[in-house]
């Protein structure tokens, strides 16, 4: 991780709330010049700390059906895990794909239009894939919290504490 100072932390806090904040407003909020703010944001992007800037859509406004899916494969060799992962991430309905342990091999977050679209996805990803042993789907009935922000300060403190030499 790159070294972050107070200006970086403030920039990250603001951009996580609204990535479309104009550079002039960013500079004013963190009390630096616009060229400095722009340079700092570029540095955060180039370092990989800012992965990308996106618009977050509302599943309820879209009328989307959301599901969390546990997937267990029959064979867990690297080539089998890689093959299923490639299949899952290539599907537009798969919003997130996580390899997890222990338990299932994958957790998927899906957005589909309706149950017919979910059934089509089941056929594409699970039924036709010979290596899928078990699938357990949980349909979202209420999203109590969705917060994509990360407490960068807390993580930075934890990282710096864990990299200090011991006594």
Foldseek 3Di string as FASTA:
>chain_A
DDDDDPLLLQLQVVCLVPVPPDLCVSCVVSVHDSVVSVVSVVVCVVVCVCVDRDDDDDLVVLQWWKKKKFWAWQDDPPVLLVVLVVQQVVDPQFPDWDQDDDDGRIITIGIDNDVVRVVVVCVRRPVPDPGTDDMDMDIDPDDPDDRPRDNVVVVVVVVVVVPDDDD
